[in-house]
All heavy atoms as atom14 arrays in JSON, in Angstrom:
{
  "sequence": "PSCRAEHAATAATQFPINYGMEALIRKLKGIEVVPEKTLTAK",
  "atom14_mask": [
    [1, 1, 1, 1, 1, 1, 1, 0, 0, 0, 0, 0, 0, 0],
    [1, 1, 1, 1, 1, 1, 0, 0, 0, 0, 0, 0, 0, 0],
    [1, 1, 1, 1, 1, 1, 0, 0, 0, 0, 0, 0, 0, 0],
    [1, 1, 1, 1, 1, 1, 1, 1, 1, 1, 1, 0, 0, 0],
    [1, 1, 1, 1, 1, 0, 0, 0, 0, 0, 0, 0, 0, 0],
    [1, 1, 1, 1, 1, 1, 1, 1, 1, 0, 0, 0, 0, 0],
    [1, 1, 1, 1, 1, 1, 1, 1, 1, 1, 0, 0, 0, 0],
    [1, 1, 1, 1, 1, 0, 0, 0, 0, 0, 0, 0, 0, 0],
    [1, 1, 1, 1, 1, 0, 0, 0, 0, 0, 0, 0, 0, 0],
    [1, 1, 1, 1, 1, 1, 1, 0, 0, 0, 0, 0, 0, 0],
    [1, 1, 1, 1, 1, 0, 0, 0, 0, 0, 0, 0, 0, 0],
    [1, 1, 1, 1, 1, 0, 0, 0, 0, 0, 0, 0, 0, 0],
    [1, 1, 1, 1, 1, 1, 1, 0, 0, 0, 0, 0, 0, 0],
    [1, 1, 1, 1, 1, 1, 1, 1, 1, 0, 0, 0, 0, 0],
    [1, 1, 1, 1, 1, 1, 1, 1, 1, 1, 1, 0, 0, 0],
    [1, 1, 1, 1, 1, 1, 1, 0, 0, 0, 0, 0, 0, 0],
    [1, 1, 1, 1, 1, 1, 1, 1, 0, 0, 0, 0, 0, 0],
    [1, 1, 1, 1, 1, 1, 1, 1, 0, 0, 0, 0, 0, 0],
    [1, 1, 1, 1, 1, 1, 1, 1, 1, 1, 1, 1, 0, 0],
    [1, 1, 1, 1, 0, 0, 0, 0, 0, 0, 0, 0, 0, 0],
    [1, 1, 1, 1, 1, 1, 1, 1, 0, 0, 0, 0, 0, 0],
    [1, 1, 1, 1, 1, 1, 1, 1, 1, 0, 0, 0, 0, 0],
    [1, 1, 1, 1, 1, 0, 0, 0, 0, 0, 0, 0, 0, 0],
    [1, 1, 1, 1, 1, 1, 1, 1, 0, 0, 0, 0, 0, 0],
    [1, 1, 1, 1, 1, 1, 1, 1, 0, 0, 0, 0, 0, 0],
    [1, 1, 1, 1, 1, 1, 1, 1, 1, 1, 1, 0, 0, 0],
    [1, 1, 1, 1, 1, 1, 1, 1, 1, 0, 0, 0, 0, 0],
    [1, 1, 1, 1, 1, 1, 1, 1, 0, 0, 0, 0, 0, 0],
    [1, 1, 1, 1, 1, 1, 1, 1, 1, 0, 0, 0, 0, 0],
    [1, 1, 1, 1, 0, 0, 0, 0, 0, 0, 0, 0, 0, 0],
    [1, 1, 1, 1, 1, 1, 1, 1, 0, 0, 0, 0, 0, 0],
    [1, 1, 1, 1, 1, 1, 1, 1, 1, 0, 0, 0, 0, 0],
    [1, 1, 1, 1, 1, 1, 1, 0, 0, 0, 0, 0, 0, 0],
    [1, 1, 1, 1, 1, 1, 1, 0, 0, 0, 0, 0, 0, 0],
    [1, 1, 1, 1, 1, 1, 1, 0, 0, 0, 0, 0, 0, 0],
    [1, 1, 1, 1, 1, 1, 1, 1, 1, 0, 0, 0, 0, 0],
    [1, 1, 1, 1, 1, 1, 1, 1, 1, 0, 0, 0, 0, 0],
    [1, 1, 1, 1, 1, 1, 1, 0, 0, 0, 0, 0, 0, 0],
    [1, 1, 1, 1, 1, 1, 1, 1, 0, 0, 0, 0, 0, 0],
    [1, 1, 1, 1, 1, 1, 1, 0, 0, 0, 0, 0, 0, 0],
    [1, 1, 1, 1, 1, 0, 0, 0, 0, 0, 0, 0, 0, 0],
    [1, 1, 1, 1, 1, 1, 1, 1, 1, 0, 0, 0, 0, 0]
  ],
  "atom14_positions": [
    [[2.95, -5.34, -63.37], [3.09, -6.78, -63.56], [2.69, -7.61, -62.36], [2.4, -8.79, -62.5], [4.58, -6.96, -63.88], [5.02, -5.63, -64.41], [4.23, -4.62, -63.62], [0.0, 0.0, 0.0], [0.0, 0.0, 0.0], [0.0, 0.0, 0.0], [0.0, 0.0, 0.0], [0.0, 0.0, 0.0], [0.0, 0.0, 0.0], [0.0, 0.0, 0.0]],
    [[2.67, -6.98, -61.16], [2.35, -7.74, -59.95], [0.87, -7.7, -59.6], [0.23, -8.74, -59.44], [3.17, -7.22, -58.76], [4.54, -7.48, -58.96], [0.0, 0.0, 0.0], [0.0, 0.0, 0.0], [0.0, 0.0, 0.0], [0.0, 0.0, 0.0], [0.0, 0.0, 0.0], [0.0, 0.0, 0.0], [0.0, 0.0, 0.0], [0.0, 0.0, 0.0]],
    [[0.31, -6.47, -59.5], [-1.08, -6.35, -59.06], [-2.04, -5.95, -60.16], [-3.25, -5.81, -59.92], [-1.18, -5.35, -57.89], [-0.77, -3.65, -58.38], [0.0, 0.0, 0.0], [0.0, 0.0, 0.0], [0.0, 0.0, 0.0], [0.0, 0.0, 0.0], [0.0, 0.0, 0.0], [0.0, 0.0, 0.0], [0.0, 0.0, 0.0], [0.0, 0.0, 0.0]],
    [[-1.51, -5.69, -61.37], [-2.29, -5.31, -62.54], [-2.96, -3.95, -62.42], [-3.89, -3.64, -63.15], [-3.38, -6.37, -62.85], [-2.91, -7.82, -62.83], [-1.75, -8.03, -63.76], [-2.09, -7.81, -65.15], [-1.23, -7.78, -66.15], [0.08, -7.91, -65.88], [-1.64, -7.6, -67.39], [0.0, 0.0, 0.0], [0.0, 0.0, 0.0], [0.0, 0.0, 0.0]],
    [[-2.47, -3.13, -61.48], [-3.02, -1.77, -61.35], [-2.61, -0.95, -62.56], [-1.52, -1.1, -63.11], [-2.51, -1.12, -60.06], [0.0, 0.0, 0.0], [0.0, 0.0, 0.0], [0.0, 0.0, 0.0], [0.0, 0.0, 0.0], [0.0, 0.0, 0.0], [0.0, 0.0, 0.0], [0.0, 0.0, 0.0], [0.0, 0.0, 0.0], [0.0, 0.0, 0.0]],
    [[-3.51, -0.03, -62.99], [-3.26, 0.81, -64.15], [-2.66, 2.14, -63.71], [-3.14, 2.78, -62.77], [-4.56, 1.05, -64.92], [-5.19, -0.2, -65.5], [-4.42, -0.75, -66.68], [-3.62, 0.02, -67.26], [-4.6, -1.93, -67.03], [0.0, 0.0, 0.0], [0.0, 0.0, 0.0], [0.0, 0.0, 0.0], [0.0, 0.0, 0.0], [0.0, 0.0, 0.0]],
    [[-1.6, 2.57, -64.41], [-0.94, 3.84, -64.11], [-0.71, 4.6, -65.4], [-0.28, 4.02, -66.41], [0.41, 3.6, -63.41], [0.3, 2.74, -62.18], [-0.33, 3.15, -61.02], [0.76, 1.47, -61.96], [-0.25, 2.17, -60.12], [0.4, 1.13, -60.68], [0.0, 0.0, 0.0], [0.0, 0.0, 0.0], [0.0, 0.0, 0.0], [0.0, 0.0, 0.0]],
    [[-1.0, 5.9, -65.37], [-0.78, 6.74, -66.55], [0.67, 7.2, -66.56], [1.16, 7.8, -65.6], [-1.72, 7.94, -66.52], [0.0, 0.0, 0.0], [0.0, 0.0, 0.0], [0.0, 0.0, 0.0], [0.0, 0.0, 0.0], [0.0, 0.0, 0.0], [0.0, 0.0, 0.0], [0.0, 0.0, 0.0], [0.0, 0.0, 0.0], [0.0, 0.0, 0.0]],
    [[1.35, 6.89, -67.65], [2.77, 7.27, -67.77], [3.22, 7.03, -69.2], [2.68, 6.17, -69.9], [3.63, 6.47, -66.8], [0.0, 0.0, 0.0], [0.0, 0.0, 0.0], [0.0, 0.0, 0.0], [0.0, 0.0, 0.0], [0.0, 0.0, 0.0], [0.0, 0.0, 0.0], [0.0, 0.0, 0.0], [0.0, 0.0, 0.0], [0.0, 0.0, 0.0]],
    [[4.19, 7.82, -69.61], [4.75, 7.63, -70.96], [6.18, 7.12, -70.92], [6.7, 6.68, -71.93], [4.72, 8.97, -71.73], [5.46, 9.94, -70.97], [3.29, 9.45, -71.91], [0.0, 0.0, 0.0], [0.0, 0.0, 0.0], [0.0, 0.0, 0.0], [0.0, 0.0, 0.0], [0.0, 0.0, 0.0], [0.0, 0.0, 0.0], [0.0, 0.0, 0.0]],
    [[6.82, 7.18, -69.73], [8.2, 6.72, -69.61], [8.48, 6.34, -68.17], [7.8, 6.8, -67.24], [9.18, 7.79, -70.07], [0.0, 0.0, 0.0], [0.0, 0.0, 0.0], [0.0, 0.0, 0.0], [0.0, 0.0, 0.0], [0.0, 0.0, 0.0], [0.0, 0.0, 0.0], [0.0, 0.0, 0.0], [0.0, 0.0, 0.0], [0.0, 0.0, 0.0]],
    [[9.5, 5.5, -67.98], [9.85, 5.05, -66.64], [10.36, 6.18, -65.77], [10.25, 6.14, -64.54], [10.91, 3.93, -66.74], [0.0, 0.0, 0.0], [0.0, 0.0, 0.0], [0.0, 0.0, 0.0], [0.0, 0.0, 0.0], [0.0, 0.0, 0.0], [0.0, 0.0, 0.0], [0.0, 0.0, 0.0], [0.0, 0.0, 0.0], [0.0, 0.0, 0.0]],
    [[10.9, 7.23, -66.42], [11.46, 8.36, -65.65], [10.39, 9.12, -64.89], [10.72, 9.94, -64.03], [12.2, 9.29, -66.6], [11.33, 9.69, -67.66], [13.43, 8.62, -67.18], [0.0, 0.0, 0.0], [0.0, 0.0, 0.0], [0.0, 0.0, 0.0], [0.0, 0.0, 0.0], [0.0, 0.0, 0.0], [0.0, 0.0, 0.0], [0.0, 0.0, 0.0]],
    [[9.1, 8.87, -65.18], [8.03, 9.54, -64.46], [7.8, 8.93, -63.08], [7.08, 9.51, -62.27], [6.73, 9.45, -65.28], [6.78, 10.24, -66.58], [5.49, 10.14, -67.37], [5.46, 9.64, -68.46], [4.41, 10.62, -66.79], [0.0, 0.0, 0.0], [0.0, 0.0, 0.0], [0.0, 0.0, 0.0], [0.0, 0.0, 0.0], [0.0, 0.0, 0.0]],
    [[8.43, 7.76, -62.84], [8.28, 7.12, -61.54], [9.56, 7.31, -60.74], [10.67, 7.28, -61.3], [7.98, 5.63, -61.71], [6.71, 5.36, -62.48], [6.78, 4.9, -63.79], [5.47, 5.61, -61.91], [5.63, 4.66, -64.51], [4.31, 5.36, -62.63], [4.38, 4.9, -63.93], [0.0, 0.0, 0.0], [0.0, 0.0, 0.0], [0.0, 0.0, 0.0]],
    [[9.45, 7.49, -59.45], [10.63, 7.79, -58.62], [11.57, 6.6, -58.48], [11.14, 5.45, -58.5], [10.01, 8.16, -57.27], [8.71, 7.41, -57.24], [8.18, 7.43, -58.65], [0.0, 0.0, 0.0], [0.0, 0.0, 0.0], [0.0, 0.0, 0.0], [0.0, 0.0, 0.0], [0.0, 0.0, 0.0], [0.0, 0.0, 0.0], [0.0, 0.0, 0.0]],
    [[12.86, 6.91, -58.36], [13.87, 5.87, -58.12], [13.72, 5.38, -56.69], [13.54, 6.16, -55.76], [15.28, 6.42, -58.36], [15.45, 6.83, -59.83], [16.34, 5.41, -57.97], [16.74, 7.56, -60.11], [0.0, 0.0, 0.0], [0.0, 0.0, 0.0], [0.0, 0.0, 0.0], [0.0, 0.0, 0.0], [0.0, 0.0, 0.0], [0.0, 0.0, 0.0]],
    [[13.82, 4.08, -56.51], [13.72, 3.48, -55.19], [15.13, 3.46, -54.58], [15.86, 2.47, -54.67], [13.15, 2.06, -55.29], [12.79, 1.49, -53.92], [13.4, 1.85, -52.92], [11.82, 0.59, -53.89], [0.0, 0.0, 0.0], [0.0, 0.0, 0.0], [0.0, 0.0, 0.0], [0.0, 0.0, 0.0], [0.0, 0.0, 0.0], [0.0, 0.0, 0.0]],
    [[15.5, 4.63, -53.96], [16.85, 4.74, -53.39], [17.05, 3.76, -52.25], [18.17, 3.28, -51.99], [17.11, 6.17, -52.92], [17.13, 7.16, -54.07], [16.13, 8.11, -54.21], [18.17, 7.14, -55.0], [16.13, 9.01, -55.26], [18.18, 8.04, -56.05], [17.16, 8.98, -56.19], [17.18, 9.86, -57.23], [0.0, 0.0, 0.0], [0.0, 0.0, 0.0]],
    [[15.98, 3.5, -51.51], [16.1, 2.54, -50.41], [16.47, 1.15, -50.92], [17.28, 0.45, -50.32], [0.0, 0.0, 0.0], [0.0, 0.0, 0.0], [0.0, 0.0, 0.0], [0.0, 0.0, 0.0], [0.0, 0.0, 0.0], [0.0, 0.0, 0.0], [0.0, 0.0, 0.0], [0.0, 0.0, 0.0], [0.0, 0.0, 0.0], [0.0, 0.0, 0.0]],
    [[15.87, 0.77, -52.05], [16.2, -0.52, -52.65], [17.65, -0.54, -53.1], [18.36, -1.53, -52.9], [15.28, -0.81, -53.84], [15.56, -2.13, -54.56], [15.25, -3.55, -53.51], [13.44, -3.52, -53.48], [0.0, 0.0, 0.0], [0.0, 0.0, 0.0], [0.0, 0.0, 0.0], [0.0, 0.0, 0.0], [0.0, 0.0, 0.0], [0.0, 0.0, 0.0]],
    [[18.1, 0.59, -53.71], [19.49, 0.65, -54.16], [20.46, 0.54, -52.98], [21.47, -0.15, -53.05], [19.74, 1.95, -54.92], [19.12, 1.98, -56.31], [19.55, 3.21, -57.09], [20.0, 4.19, -56.45], [19.44, 3.19, -58.34], [0.0, 0.0, 0.0], [0.0, 0.0, 0.0], [0.0, 0.0, 0.0], [0.0, 0.0, 0.0], [0.0, 0.0, 0.0]],
    [[20.11, 1.23, -51.89], [20.98, 1.18, -50.7], [21.01, -0.23, -50.12], [22.07, -0.73, -49.7], [20.48, 2.18, -49.66], [0.0, 0.0, 0.0], [0.0, 0.0, 0.0], [0.0, 0.0, 0.0], [0.0, 0.0, 0.0], [0.0, 0.0, 0.0], [0.0, 0.0, 0.0], [0.0, 0.0, 0.0], [0.0, 0.0, 0.0], [0.0, 0.0, 0.0]],
    [[19.84, -0.88, -50.1], [19.77, -2.24, -49.58], [20.62, -3.19, -50.43], [21.36, -4.04, -49.9], [18.32, -2.72, -49.54], [18.1, -4.18, -49.11], [18.62, -4.41, -47.7], [16.62, -4.55, -49.21], [0.0, 0.0, 0.0], [0.0, 0.0, 0.0], [0.0, 0.0, 0.0], [0.0, 0.0, 0.0], [0.0, 0.0, 0.0], [0.0, 0.0, 0.0]],
    [[20.51, -3.02, -51.74], [21.28, -3.89, -52.65], [22.77, -3.7, -52.43], [23.55, -4.65, -52.34], [20.9, -3.6, -54.11], [19.44, -4.03, -54.35], [21.83, -4.33, -55.07], [18.91, -3.6, -55.68], [0.0, 0.0, 0.0], [0.0, 0.0, 0.0], [0.0, 0.0, 0.0], [0.0, 0.0, 0.0], [0.0, 0.0, 0.0], [0.0, 0.0, 0.0]],
    [[23.21, -2.42, -52.31], [24.63, -2.14, -52.11], [25.11, -2.7, -50.76], [26.24, -3.18, -50.63], [24.89, -0.65, -52.2], [24.7, -0.08, -53.61], [25.19, 1.36, -53.69], [25.06, 1.89, -55.03], [24.02, 2.57, -55.47], [23.0, 2.81, -54.65], [23.98, 3.01, -56.7], [0.0, 0.0, 0.0], [0.0, 0.0, 0.0], [0.0, 0.0, 0.0]],
    [[24.24, -2.6, -49.78], [24.61, -3.12, -48.47], [24.77, -4.64, -48.52], [25.7, -5.21, -47.93], [23.55, -2.73, -47.45], [23.92, -3.16, -46.02], [22.88, -2.65, -45.04], [23.25, -3.06, -43.61], [22.25, -2.59, -42.62], [0.0, 0.0, 0.0], [0.0, 0.0, 0.0], [0.0, 0.0, 0.0], [0.0, 0.0, 0.0], [0.0, 0.0, 0.0]],
    [[23.81, -5.3, -49.23], [23.89, -6.75, -49.36], [25.15, -7.19, -50.09], [25.73, -8.23, -49.8], [22.66, -7.29, -50.09], [21.33, -7.21, -49.34], [20.17, -7.64, -50.24], [21.37, -8.08, -48.09], [0.0, 0.0, 0.0], [0.0, 0.0, 0.0], [0.0, 0.0, 0.0], [0.0, 0.0, 0.0], [0.0, 0.0, 0.0], [0.0, 0.0, 0.0]],
    [[25.6, -6.38, -51.03], [26.78, -6.7, -51.81], [28.04, -6.1, -51.23], [29.12, -6.21, -51.82], [26.58, -6.24, -53.25], [25.47, -6.99, -53.98], [25.36, -6.55, -55.43], [24.31, -7.37, -56.15], [24.68, -8.8, -56.26], [0.0, 0.0, 0.0], [0.0, 0.0, 0.0], [0.0, 0.0, 0.0], [0.0, 0.0, 0.0], [0.0, 0.0, 0.0]],
    [[27.93, -5.41, -50.12], [29.1, -4.83, -49.5], [29.68, -3.67, -50.28], [30.89, -3.45, -50.26], [0.0, 0.0, 0.0], [0.0, 0.0, 0.0], [0.0, 0.0, 0.0], [0.0, 0.0, 0.0], [0.0, 0.0, 0.0], [0.0, 0.0, 0.0], [0.0, 0.0, 0.0], [0.0, 0.0, 0.0], [0.0, 0.0, 0.0], [0.0, 0.0, 0.0]],
    [[28.84, -2.89, -50.91], [29.29, -1.76, -51.72], [28.88, -0.47, -51.04], [27.77, -0.36, -50.49], [28.67, -1.82, -53.13], [29.07, -3.14, -53.8], [29.11, -0.64, -53.97], [28.39, -3.35, -55.12], [0.0, 0.0, 0.0], [0.0, 0.0, 0.0], [0.0, 0.0, 0.0], [0.0, 0.0, 0.0], [0.0, 0.0, 0.0], [0.0, 0.0, 0.0]],
    [[29.76, 0.53, -51.04], [29.47, 1.8, -50.41], [28.31, 2.49, -51.1], [28.15, 2.42, -52.32], [30.7, 2.72, -50.48], [31.87, 2.23, -49.63], [32.99, 3.22, -49.67], [32.83, 4.27, -50.29], [34.04, 2.93, -49.05], [0.0, 0.0, 0.0], [0.0, 0.0, 0.0], [0.0, 0.0, 0.0], [0.0, 0.0, 0.0], [0.0, 0.0, 0.0]],
    [[27.48, 3.2, -50.31], [26.35, 3.94, -50.85], [26.84, 5.19, -51.55], [27.68, 5.93, -51.03], [25.36, 4.32, -49.73], [24.21, 5.13, -50.28], [24.87, 3.07, -49.02], [0.0, 0.0, 0.0], [0.0, 0.0, 0.0], [0.0, 0.0, 0.0], [0.0, 0.0, 0.0], [0.0, 0.0, 0.0], [0.0, 0.0, 0.0], [0.0, 0.0, 0.0]],
    [[26.33, 5.42, -52.75], [26.73, 6.61, -53.51], [25.72, 7.72, -53.23], [24.51, 7.52, -53.42], [26.75, 6.3, -55.02], [27.14, 7.53, -55.81], [27.71, 5.15, -55.29], [0.0, 0.0, 0.0], [0.0, 0.0, 0.0], [0.0, 0.0, 0.0], [0.0, 0.0, 0.0], [0.0, 0.0, 0.0], [0.0, 0.0, 0.0], [0.0, 0.0, 0.0]],
    [[26.15, 8.86, -52.71], [25.22, 9.96, -52.42], [24.47, 10.36, -53.67], [24.95, 10.22, -54.8], [26.13, 11.09, -51.94], [27.38, 10.39, -51.48], [27.53, 9.2, -52.36], [0.0, 0.0, 0.0], [0.0, 0.0, 0.0], [0.0, 0.0, 0.0], [0.0, 0.0, 0.0], [0.0, 0.0, 0.0], [0.0, 0.0, 0.0], [0.0, 0.0, 0.0]],
    [[23.26, 10.93, -53.45], [22.4, 11.31, -54.59], [23.07, 12.3, -55.48], [22.95, 12.28, -56.7], [21.08, 11.88, -54.05], [20.11, 12.28, -55.16], [18.82, 12.81, -54.6], [18.64, 12.78, -53.36], [17.98, 13.26, -55.4], [0.0, 0.0, 0.0], [0.0, 0.0, 0.0], [0.0, 0.0, 0.0], [0.0, 0.0, 0.0], [0.0, 0.0, 0.0]],
    [[23.85, 13.26, -54.89], [24.47, 14.3, -55.69], [25.61, 13.75, -56.55], [26.04, 14.41, -57.48], [25.0, 15.41, -54.77], [23.91, 16.17, -54.05], [24.5, 17.27, -53.2], [23.42, 18.06, -52.48], [23.98, 19.14, -51.65], [0.0, 0.0, 0.0], [0.0, 0.0, 0.0], [0.0, 0.0, 0.0], [0.0, 0.0, 0.0], [0.0, 0.0, 0.0]],
    [[26.12, 12.58, -56.18], [27.26, 12.03, -56.94], [26.87, 10.75, -57.67], [27.69, 9.87, -57.87], [28.43, 11.74, -55.99], [27.99, 10.77, -55.02], [28.91, 12.98, -55.3], [0.0, 0.0, 0.0], [0.0, 0.0, 0.0], [0.0, 0.0, 0.0], [0.0, 0.0, 0.0], [0.0, 0.0, 0.0], [0.0, 0.0, 0.0], [0.0, 0.0, 0.0]],
    [[25.59, 10.65, -58.04], [25.14, 9.45, -58.73], [25.84, 9.26, -60.05], [25.99, 8.15, -60.53], [23.62, 9.51, -58.96], [22.75, 9.28, -57.72], [21.29, 9.43, -58.07], [23.02, 7.91, -57.11], [0.0, 0.0, 0.0], [0.0, 0.0, 0.0], [0.0, 0.0, 0.0], [0.0, 0.0, 0.0], [0.0, 0.0, 0.0], [0.0, 0.0, 0.0]],
    [[26.26, 10.39, -60.64], [26.94, 10.27, -61.94], [28.38, 9.84, -61.78], [29.03, 9.46, -62.75], [26.9, 11.63, -62.67], [27.5, 12.61, -61.83], [25.46, 12.01, -62.97], [0.0, 0.0, 0.0], [0.0, 0.0, 0.0], [0.0, 0.0, 0.0], [0.0, 0.0, 0.0], [0.0, 0.0, 0.0], [0.0, 0.0, 0.0], [0.0, 0.0, 0.0]],
    [[28.91, 9.88, -60.53], [30.3, 9.46, -60.32], [30.39, 7.94, -60.38], [29.44, 7.22, -60.08], [30.8, 9.96, -58.97], [0.0, 0.0, 0.0], [0.0, 0.0, 0.0], [0.0, 0.0, 0.0], [0.0, 0.0, 0.0], [0.0, 0.0, 0.0], [0.0, 0.0, 0.0], [0.0, 0.0, 0.0], [0.0, 0.0, 0.0], [0.0, 0.0, 0.0]],
    [[31.56, 7.44, -60.7], [31.78, 6.0, -60.84], [31.83, 5.37, -59.44], [32.62, 5.8, -58.6], [33.09, 5.75, -61.58], [33.31, 4.28, -61.89], [34.57, 4.1, -62.7], [34.79, 2.64, -63.03], [36.02, 2.46, -63.84], [0.0, 0.0, 0.0], [0.0, 0.0, 0.0], [0.0, 0.0, 0.0], [0.0, 0.0, 0.0], [0.0, 0.0, 0.0]]
  ]
}
């Protein structure tokens, strides 16, 4: 949607999660970072 580059993919799960963005968001909101192994934890 930003640069109009074409990418072959059938689902969003084919692209990596931006953990750095998630960590930044949690930091901005004052929320503890959830380790990758415990992502399913609340």
